[in-house]
Amino acid sequence: MAIMRKPIGCVLACCLLLAAGCQRQANLPAETWAASPVEQWPQLVLTNEAQFTGHTPLHGASAGLIKTRQGRTLAATARHLIGSAGGVEPWIAPTELKNVIQSWRMFPRTHADQFVEVDYAEAAESHQANLDWLILHFKQSDNSLPVTPLQLRQRRVEVDEKVYLIGCPYAEPGCVQNVYGGIVTARYQDRFRFSIERPVDLRGFSGAPIVDVNGHVVGVMTVGFKPKLKGSNLADGGGEDAASIFNEVDSLK
């Protein structure tokens, strides 16, 4: 069987183009607030309040806003929340979500009047079945956003890398936003595991953003393993790579 070989010049050119693309992403400037103490970070996490036709509602958990290189702002949360894990029965297929949403608001947990309203699940239909990201479009303009949108990171998070989980436990009803530092300890295909320096009850964190030291999103909070306990709280958490959806989201017009 004959083997087709690409000219060396062509292969080299392709490699250079790929390297240039990775370098542009690697040189993405850090968010100005990322160097500040975490107590001074802007509001980055939201919670959910959704009503559906033919399904029980969703109350709580977490979400955030992301921005593409083209300047588009989108909402992001965990897809498992439109199933029993989010109290939604029966489970909603992402391809049907835009047909059954009556209303879906995302807002800082103690400020329900500062919300964005989800219109439809634009990117949900093409998500791979094994991914837990849910990307949503919303109605409001950028001028009234209740949180700061974050940029997705194209490169996957690495073991021993510093990350920050942003969210609020249900056990703290007055919480608006907490930030928990951690270190990535393991990787599993599209997911990663990280320690939590201040163990916490993670109920309510599904869909929360996980960022790197530059303030760029490296993952969405989702756990596919049995986490470690420290007393009644969890000493580690899990995330799904932003890199897994980067190209799909960044290509949205």
C-alpha atoms as a PDB file:
ATOM      1  CA  MET A   1       0.000   0.000   0.000  1.00  0.00           C
ATOM      2  CA  ALA A   2       1.420   3.366  -0.995  1.00  0.00           C
ATOM      3  CA  ILE A   3       1.927   5.897   1.794  1.00  0.00           C
ATOM      4  CA  MET A   4       1.240   9.535   1.044  1.00  0.00           C
ATOM      5  CA  ARG A   5       3.919  11.796   2.468  1.00  0.00           C
ATOM      6  CA  LYS A   6       3.474  15.516   2.897  1.00  0.00           C
ATOM      7  CA  PRO A   7       6.350  17.715   1.768  1.00  0.00           C
ATOM      8  CA  ILE A   8       8.611  18.665   4.655  1.00  0.00           C
ATOM      9  CA  GLY A   9       7.979  22.349   3.973  1.00  0.00           C
ATOM     10  CA  CYS A  10       4.218  21.845   4.316  1.00  0.00           C
ATOM     11  CA  VAL A  11       4.572  19.943   7.575  1.00  0.00           C
ATOM     12  CA  LEU A  12       6.922  22.589   8.943  1.00  0.00           C
ATOM     13  CA  ALA A  13       4.524  25.369   7.955  1.00  0.00           C
ATOM     14  CA  CYS A  14       1.624  23.625   9.701  1.00  0.00           C
ATOM     15  CA  CYS A  15       3.705  23.151  12.839  1.00  0.00           C
ATOM     16  CA  LEU A  16       4.655  26.821  12.846  1.00  0.00           C
ATOM     17  CA  LEU A  17       1.025  27.885  12.477  1.00  0.00           C
ATOM     18  CA  LEU A  18      -0.050  25.655  15.362  1.00  0.00           C
ATOM     19  CA  ALA A  19       2.800  26.904  17.509  1.00  0.00           C
ATOM     20  CA  ALA A  20       1.876  30.504  16.740  1.00  0.00           C
ATOM     21  CA  GLY A  21      -1.729  29.881  17.766  1.00  0.00           C
ATOM     22  CA  CYS A  22      -0.662  28.286  21.048  1.00  0.00           C
ATOM     23  CA  GLN A  23       1.770  31.133  21.697  1.00  0.00           C
ATOM     24  CA  ARG A  24      -0.975  33.733  21.192  1.00  0.00           C
ATOM     25  CA  GLN A  25      -3.131  31.939  23.748  1.00  0.00           C
ATOM     26  CA  ALA A  26      -0.195  31.432  26.126  1.00  0.00           C
ATOM     27  CA  ASN A  27       0.505  35.175  25.970  1.00  0.00           C
ATOM     28  CA  LEU A  28      -3.081  36.078  26.840  1.00  0.00           C
ATOM     29  CA  PRO A  29      -2.637  38.923  29.320  1.00  0.00           C
ATOM     30  CA  ALA A  30      -3.543  38.284  32.925  1.00  0.00           C
ATOM     31  CA  GLU A  31      -6.715  39.888  34.244  1.00  0.00           C
ATOM     32  CA  THR A  32      -5.861  43.079  36.113  1.00  0.00           C
ATOM     33  CA  TRP A  33      -7.651  41.877  39.250  1.00  0.00           C
ATOM     34  CA  ALA A  34      -5.860  38.503  39.369  1.00  0.00           C
ATOM     35  CA  ALA A  35      -2.855  39.920  41.251  1.00  0.00           C
ATOM     36  CA  SER A  36      -5.073  41.378  43.988  1.00  0.00           C
ATOM     37  CA  PRO A  37      -5.974  39.513  47.191  1.00  0.00           C
ATOM     38  CA  VAL A  38      -8.882  37.177  46.442  1.00  0.00           C
ATOM     39  CA  GLU A  39     -11.093  39.181  48.799  1.00  0.00           C
ATOM     40  CA  GLN A  40     -10.773  42.069  46.340  1.00  0.00           C
ATOM     41  CA  TRP A  41     -11.662  40.086  43.209  1.00  0.00           C
ATOM     42  CA  PRO A  42     -14.774  41.217  41.338  1.00  0.00           C
ATOM     43  CA  GLN A  43     -17.947  39.163  41.459  1.00  0.00           C
ATOM     44  CA  LEU A  44     -17.395  36.112  39.215  1.00  0.00           C
ATOM     45  CA  VAL A  45     -19.935  33.477  40.258  1.00  0.00           C
ATOM     46  CA  LEU A  46     -23.711  33.299  39.840  1.00  0.00           C
ATOM     47  CA  THR A  47     -26.458  30.947  40.956  1.00  0.00           C
ATOM     48  CA  ASN A  48     -29.429  29.583  38.968  1.00  0.00           C
ATOM     49  CA  GLU A  49     -33.204  29.959  39.117  1.00  0.00           C
ATOM     50  CA  ALA A  50     -34.953  28.186  36.234  1.00  0.00           C
ATOM     51  CA  GLN A  51     -38.454  27.062  35.328  1.00  0.00           C
ATOM     52  CA  PHE A  52     -39.169  24.539  32.569  1.00  0.00           C
ATOM     53  CA  THR A  53     -42.254  23.251  30.767  1.00  0.00           C
ATOM     54  CA  GLY A  54     -42.908  19.637  31.749  1.00  0.00           C
ATOM     55  CA  HIS A  55     -39.981  19.446  34.196  1.00  0.00           C
ATOM     56  CA  THR A  56     -39.357  20.355  37.810  1.00  0.00           C
ATOM     57  CA  PRO A  57     -37.426  23.619  38.375  1.00  0.00           C
ATOM     58  CA  LEU A  58     -33.734  24.230  39.038  1.00  0.00           C
ATOM     59  CA  HIS A  59     -32.814  26.230  42.133  1.00  0.00           C
ATOM     60  CA  GLY A  60     -29.239  26.965  43.120  1.00  0.00           C
ATOM     61  CA  ALA A  61     -25.835  25.519  42.172  1.00  0.00           C
ATOM     62  CA  SER A  62     -23.428  27.796  40.302  1.00  0.00           C
ATOM     63  CA  ALA A  63     -22.666  29.441  36.965  1.00  0.00           C
ATOM     64  CA  GLY A  64     -20.506  32.159  35.438  1.00  0.00           C
ATOM     65  CA  LEU A  65     -20.056  34.283  32.333  1.00  0.00           C
ATOM     66  CA  ILE A  66     -17.368  33.735  29.702  1.00  0.00           C
ATOM     67  CA  LYS A  67     -16.185  35.872  26.808  1.00  0.00           C
ATOM     68  CA  THR A  68     -14.817  34.798  23.446  1.00  0.00           C
ATOM     69  CA  ARG A  69     -11.940  36.330  21.488  1.00  0.00           C
ATOM     70  CA  GLN A  70     -14.581  37.767  19.134  1.00  0.00           C
ATOM     71  CA  GLY A  71     -16.019  39.735  22.046  1.00  0.00           C
ATOM     72  CA  ARG A  72     -19.148  37.661  22.602  1.00  0.00           C
ATOM     73  CA  THR A  73     -20.318  37.025  26.178  1.00  0.00           C
ATOM     74  CA  LEU A  74     -22.024  33.739  27.090  1.00  0.00           C
ATOM     75  CA  ALA A  75     -23.244  31.997  30.237  1.00  0.00           C
ATOM     76  CA  ALA A  76     -21.730  28.722  31.418  1.00  0.00           C
ATOM     77  CA  THR A  77     -22.719  26.101  33.984  1.00  0.00           C
ATOM     78  CA  ALA A  78     -22.689  22.307  34.421  1.00  0.00           C
ATOM     79  CA  ARG A  79     -24.917  20.233  32.171  1.00  0.00           C
ATOM     80  CA  HIS A  80     -25.716  17.687  34.888  1.00  0.00           C
ATOM     81  CA  LEU A  81     -27.783  20.387  36.607  1.00  0.00           C
ATOM     82  CA  ILE A  82     -30.604  19.922  34.080  1.00  0.00           C
ATOM     83  CA  GLY A  83     -31.053  16.425  35.511  1.00  0.00           C
ATOM     84  CA  SER A  84     -31.677  14.865  38.919  1.00  0.00           C
ATOM     85  CA  ALA A  85     -28.432  16.339  40.341  1.00  0.00           C
ATOM     86  CA  GLY A  86     -30.022  19.772  39.933  1.00  0.00           C
ATOM     87  CA  GLY A  87     -33.439  18.591  41.100  1.00  0.00           C
ATOM     88  CA  VAL A  88     -34.775  18.623  37.523  1.00  0.00           C
ATOM     89  CA  GLU A  89     -37.107  15.738  36.654  1.00  0.00           C
ATOM     90  CA  PRO A  90     -37.302  14.273  34.112  1.00  0.00           C
ATOM     91  CA  TRP A  91     -33.817  14.935  32.734  1.00  0.00           C
ATOM     92  CA  ILE A  92     -33.682  17.509  29.909  1.00  0.00           C
ATOM     93  CA  ALA A  93     -31.692  16.617  26.804  1.00  0.00           C
ATOM     94  CA  PRO A  94     -29.549  19.620  25.766  1.00  0.00           C
ATOM     95  CA  THR A  95     -31.101  19.497  22.290  1.00  0.00           C
ATOM     96  CA  GLU A  96     -34.533  20.051  23.881  1.00  0.00           C
ATOM     97  CA  LEU A  97     -33.545  22.692  26.400  1.00  0.00           C
ATOM     98  CA  LYS A  98     -34.362  25.712  24.245  1.00  0.00           C
ATOM     99  CA  ASN A  99     -37.865  24.339  23.696  1.00  0.00           C
ATOM    100  CA  VAL A 100     -38.722  23.889  27.398  1.00  0.00           C
ATOM    101  CA  ILE A 101     -37.174  26.936  29.102  1.00  0.00           C
ATOM    102  CA  GLN A 102     -39.883  29.153  30.588  1.00  0.00           C
ATOM    103  CA  SER A 103     -37.387  31.338  32.413  1.00  0.00           C
ATOM    104  CA  TRP A 104     -33.777  30.992  33.572  1.00  0.00           C
ATOM    105  CA  ARG A 105     -32.105  33.658  35.626  1.00  0.00           C
ATOM    106  CA  MET A 106     -28.509  33.700  36.888  1.00  0.00           C
ATOM    107  CA  PHE A 107     -27.563  36.126  39.664  1.00  0.00           C
ATOM    108  CA  PRO A 108     -25.208  36.590  42.638  1.00  0.00           C
ATOM    109  CA  ARG A 109     -26.620  34.408  45.387  1.00  0.00           C
ATOM    110  CA  THR A 110     -27.858  37.179  47.680  1.00  0.00           C
ATOM    111  CA  HIS A 111     -28.761  39.655  44.915  1.00  0.00           C
ATOM    112  CA  ALA A 112     -31.599  38.134  42.898  1.00  0.00           C
ATOM    113  CA  ASP A 113     -32.414  41.527  41.393  1.00  0.00           C
ATOM    114  CA  GLN A 114     -29.017  41.622  39.605  1.00  0.00           C
ATOM    115  CA  PHE A 115     -29.519  38.921  37.005  1.00  0.00           C
ATOM    116  CA  VAL A 116     -28.964  37.796  33.453  1.00  0.00           C
ATOM    117  CA  GLU A 117     -31.745  35.849  31.781  1.00  0.00           C
ATOM    118  CA  VAL A 118     -30.970  32.819  29.646  1.00  0.00           C
ATOM    119  CA  ASP A 119     -32.683  32.840  26.268  1.00  0.00           C
ATOM    120  CA  TYR A 120     -31.679  29.485  24.754  1.00  0.00           C
ATOM    121  CA  ALA A 121     -28.933  26.871  24.738  1.00  0.00           C
ATOM    122  CA  GLU A 122     -27.065  27.901  21.632  1.00  0.00           C
ATOM    123  CA  ALA A 123     -23.987  25.698  21.870  1.00  0.00           C
ATOM    124  CA  ALA A 124     -25.528  22.858  23.867  1.00  0.00           C
ATOM    125  CA  GLU A 125     -26.676  20.860  20.868  1.00  0.00           C
ATOM    126  CA  SER A 126     -23.194  20.194  19.561  1.00  0.00           C
ATOM    127  CA  HIS A 127     -21.498  19.355  22.868  1.00  0.00           C
ATOM    128  CA  GLN A 128     -19.917  15.947  23.090  1.00  0.00           C
ATOM    129  CA  ALA A 129     -22.081  13.561  25.087  1.00  0.00           C
ATOM    130  CA  ASN A 130     -19.381  12.923  27.687  1.00  0.00           C
ATOM    131  CA  LEU A 131     -18.770  16.588  28.534  1.00  0.00           C
ATOM    132  CA  ASP A 132     -20.458  18.414  31.403  1.00  0.00           C
ATOM    133  CA  TRP A 133     -20.257  21.982  30.103  1.00  0.00           C
ATOM    134  CA  LEU A 134     -23.505  23.781  29.296  1.00  0.00           C
ATOM    135  CA  ILE A 135     -23.080  27.015  27.320  1.00  0.00           C
ATOM    136  CA  LEU A 136     -26.059  29.382  27.228  1.00  0.00           C
ATOM    137  CA  HIS A 137     -27.032  32.616  25.507  1.00  0.00           C
ATOM    138  CA  PHE A 138     -28.724  35.350  27.511  1.00  0.00           C
ATOM    139  CA  LYS A 139     -30.882  38.364  26.734  1.00  0.00           C
ATOM    140  CA  GLN A 140     -29.325  41.248  28.633  1.00  0.00           C
ATOM    141  CA  SER A 141     -26.714  43.637  27.256  1.00  0.00           C
ATOM    142  CA  ASP A 142     -23.122  43.788  28.490  1.00  0.00           C
ATOM    143  CA  ASN A 143     -23.881  47.126  30.150  1.00  0.00           C
ATOM    144  CA  SER A 144     -25.853  45.495  32.964  1.00  0.00           C
ATOM    145  CA  LEU A 145     -23.852  42.345  33.693  1.00  0.00           C
ATOM    146  CA  PRO A 146     -23.863  41.410  37.407  1.00  0.00           C
ATOM    147  CA  VAL A 147     -20.476  39.661  37.184  1.00  0.00           C
ATOM    148  CA  THR A 148     -17.200  40.043  35.313  1.00  0.00           C
ATOM    149  CA  PRO A 149     -16.995  37.725  32.257  1.00  0.00           C
ATOM    150  CA  LEU A 150     -13.955  35.447  32.131  1.00  0.00           C
ATOM    151  CA  GLN A 151     -11.808  34.221  29.262  1.00  0.00           C
ATOM    152  CA  LEU A 152     -11.436  30.503  28.581  1.00  0.00           C
ATOM    153  CA  ARG A 153      -7.922  29.093  28.516  1.00  0.00           C
ATOM    154  CA  GLN A 154      -7.065  26.982  25.486  1.00  0.00           C
ATOM    155  CA  ARG A 155      -4.303  25.016  27.196  1.00  0.00           C
ATOM    156  CA  ARG A 156      -5.307  22.287  29.632  1.00  0.00           C
ATOM    157  CA  VAL A 157      -4.505  22.696  33.291  1.00  0.00           C
ATOM    158  CA  GLU A 158      -1.449  20.746  34.453  1.00  0.00           C
ATOM    159  CA  VAL A 159      -0.612  18.694  37.535  1.00  0.00           C
ATOM    160  CA  ASP A 160       0.971  20.868  40.276  1.00  0.00           C
ATOM    161  CA  GLU A 161      -0.611  24.015  38.819  1.00  0.00           C
ATOM    162  CA  LYS A 162      -2.269  26.521  41.151  1.00  0.00           C
ATOM    163  CA  VAL A 163      -6.020  27.001  40.630  1.00  0.00           C
ATOM    164  CA  TYR A 164      -8.882  28.797  42.352  1.00  0.00           C
ATOM    165  CA  LEU A 165     -12.454  27.553  42.792  1.00  0.00           C
ATOM    166  CA  ILE A 166     -15.056  30.316  43.051  1.00  0.00           C
ATOM    167  CA  GLY A 167     -18.390  29.589  44.673  1.00  0.00           C
ATOM    168  CA  CYS A 168     -20.622  29.459  47.733  1.00  0.00           C
ATOM    169  CA  PRO A 169     -21.610  26.459  49.863  1.00  0.00           C
ATOM    170  CA  TYR A 170     -25.280  25.971  50.664  1.00  0.00           C
ATOM    171  CA  ALA A 171     -24.161  25.850  54.307  1.00  0.00           C
ATOM    172  CA  GLU A 172     -23.452  29.619  54.116  1.00  0.00           C
ATOM    173  CA  PRO A 173     -26.785  31.193  53.092  1.00  0.00           C
ATOM    174  CA  GLY A 174     -25.379  34.733  53.271  1.00  0.00           C
ATOM    175  CA  CYS A 175     -22.416  33.976  51.008  1.00  0.00           C
ATOM    176  CA  VAL A 176     -22.011  36.064  47.851  1.00  0.00           C
ATOM    177  CA  GLN A 177     -18.630  34.729  46.717  1.00  0.00           C
ATOM    178  CA  ASN A 178     -15.787  32.723  48.256  1.00  0.00           C
ATOM    179  CA  VAL A 179     -12.479  31.847  46.601  1.00  0.00           C
ATOM    180  CA  TYR A 180     -10.711  28.585  47.464  1.00  0.00           C
ATOM    181  CA  GLY A 181      -7.103  28.016  46.399  1.00  0.00           C
ATOM    182  CA  GLY A 182      -5.828  24.596  45.427  1.00  0.00           C
ATOM    183  CA  ILE A 183      -3.254  22.583  43.514  1.00  0.00           C
ATOM    184  CA  VAL A 184      -4.023  20.218  40.611  1.00  0.00           C
ATOM    185  CA  THR A 185      -3.140  16.698  41.765  1.00  0.00           C
ATOM    186  CA  ALA A 186      -4.273  14.450  38.902  1.00  0.00           C
ATOM    187  CA  ARG A 187      -5.744  14.369  35.390  1.00  0.00           C
ATOM    188  CA  TYR A 188      -8.358  12.024  33.852  1.00  0.00           C
ATOM    189  CA  GLN A 189      -8.853  12.645  30.117  1.00  0.00           C
ATOM    190  CA  ASP A 190     -10.949  15.865  29.997  1.00  0.00           C
ATOM    191  CA  ARG A 191     -11.088  16.246  33.776  1.00  0.00           C
ATOM    192  CA  PHE A 192      -8.740  17.089  36.604  1.00  0.00           C
ATOM    193  CA  ARG A 193      -8.604  16.797  40.376  1.00  0.00           C
ATOM    194  CA  PHE A 194      -7.353  19.504  42.714  1.00  0.00           C
ATOM    195  CA  SER A 195      -6.756  19.948  46.421  1.00  0.00           C
ATOM    196  CA  ILE A 196      -8.713  22.550  48.358  1.00  0.00           C
ATOM    197  CA  GLU A 197      -6.568  24.434  50.837  1.00  0.00           C
ATOM    198  CA  ARG A 198      -9.587  25.284  52.967  1.00  0.00           C
ATOM    199  CA  PRO A 199     -11.852  22.170  53.037  1.00  0.00           C
ATOM    200  CA  VAL A 200     -15.489  23.038  52.356  1.00  0.00           C
ATOM    201  CA  ASP A 201     -18.907  21.490  51.846  1.00  0.00           C
ATOM    202  CA  LEU A 202     -19.077  21.525  48.022  1.00  0.00           C
ATOM    203  CA  ARG A 203     -22.837  21.201  47.744  1.00  0.00           C
ATOM    204  CA  GLY A 204     -23.889  24.140  45.572  1.00  0.00           C
ATOM    205  CA  PHE A 205     -20.622  24.415  43.637  1.00  0.00           C
ATOM    206  CA  SER A 206     -21.586  22.456  40.505  1.00  0.00           C
ATOM    207  CA  GLY A 207     -21.125  24.751  37.502  1.00  0.00           C
ATOM    208  CA  ALA A 208     -18.751  27.120  39.323  1.00  0.00           C
ATOM    209  CA  PRO A 209     -15.751  28.527  37.431  1.00  0.00           C
ATOM    210  CA  ILE A 210     -12.213  27.346  38.199  1.00  0.00           C
ATOM    211  CA  VAL A 211      -9.512  29.850  37.216  1.00  0.00           C
ATOM    212  CA  ASP A 212      -5.729  29.924  37.006  1.00  0.00           C
ATOM    213  CA  VAL A 213      -3.346  32.481  38.556  1.00  0.00           C
ATOM    214  CA  ASN A 214      -4.024  34.831  35.627  1.00  0.00           C
ATOM    215  CA  GLY A 215      -7.782  34.795  36.148  1.00  0.00           C
ATOM    216  CA  HIS A 216      -8.526  32.667  33.063  1.00  0.00           C
ATOM    217  CA  VAL A 217     -11.042  29.822  33.206  1.00  0.00           C
ATOM    218  CA  VAL A 218      -9.392  26.400  33.177  1.00  0.00           C
ATOM    219  CA  GLY A 219     -12.488  24.397  34.116  1.00  0.00           C
ATOM    220  CA  VAL A 220     -16.041  24.109  35.347  1.00  0.00           C
ATOM    221  CA  MET A 221     -16.710  22.480  38.719  1.00  0.00           C
ATOM    222  CA  THR A 222     -17.838  18.871  38.351  1.00  0.00           C
ATOM    223  CA  VAL A 223     -16.780  15.789  40.304  1.00  0.00           C
ATOM    224  CA  GLY A 224     -16.509  12.364  38.674  1.00  0.00           C
ATOM    225  CA  PHE A 225     -14.684  10.609  41.511  1.00  0.00           C
ATOM    226  CA  LYS A 226     -14.985  10.043  45.248  1.00  0.00           C
ATOM    227  CA  PRO A 227     -13.429  13.139  46.847  1.00  0.00           C
ATOM    228  CA  LYS A 228     -11.341  13.125  50.013  1.00  0.00           C
ATOM    229  CA  LEU A 229     -13.010  14.094  53.262  1.00  0.00           C
ATOM    230  CA  LYS A 230     -11.592  16.181  56.085  1.00  0.00           C
ATOM    231  CA  GLY A 231     -14.144  15.919  58.821  1.00  0.00           C
ATOM    232  CA  SER A 232     -17.515  16.645  57.222  1.00  0.00           C
ATOM    233  CA  ASN A 233     -16.009  18.806  54.462  1.00  0.00           C
ATOM    234  CA  LEU A 234     -14.267  17.931  51.218  1.00  0.00           C
ATOM    235  CA  ALA A 235     -10.520  18.378  50.862  1.00  0.00           C
ATOM    236  CA  ASP A 236     -10.459  18.176  47.071  1.00  0.00           C
ATOM    237  CA  GLY A 237     -12.661  18.854  44.082  1.00  0.00           C
ATOM    238  CA  GLY A 238     -12.853  18.207  40.371  1.00  0.00           C
ATOM    239  CA  GLY A 239     -13.109  20.175  37.180  1.00  0.00           C
ATOM    240  CA  GLU A 240     -13.666  19.643  33.480  1.00  0.00           C
ATOM    241  CA  ASP A 241     -11.236  21.350  31.115  1.00  0.00           C
ATOM    242  CA  ALA A 242     -12.155  24.619  29.452  1.00  0.00           C
ATOM    243  CA  ALA A 243      -9.823  23.424  26.695  1.00  0.00           C
ATOM    244  CA  SER A 244     -12.372  20.731  25.786  1.00  0.00           C
ATOM    245  CA  ILE A 245     -14.885  23.326  24.604  1.00  0.00           C
ATOM    246  CA  PHE A 246     -12.559  26.206  23.685  1.00  0.00           C
ATOM    247  CA  ASN A 247     -12.697  25.815  19.896  1.00  0.00           C
ATOM    248  CA  GLU A 248     -16.447  25.229  19.829  1.00  0.00           C
ATOM    249  CA  VAL A 249     -17.219  28.253  21.962  1.00  0.00           C
ATOM    250  CA  ASP A 250     -14.646  30.492  20.320  1.00  0.00           C
ATOM    251  CA  SER A 251     -16.107  29.779  16.882  1.00  0.00           C
ATOM    252  CA  LEU A 252     -19.549  31.110  17.828  1.00  0.00           C
ATOM    253  CA  LYS A 253     -20.423  34.249  15.865  1.00  0.00           C
END
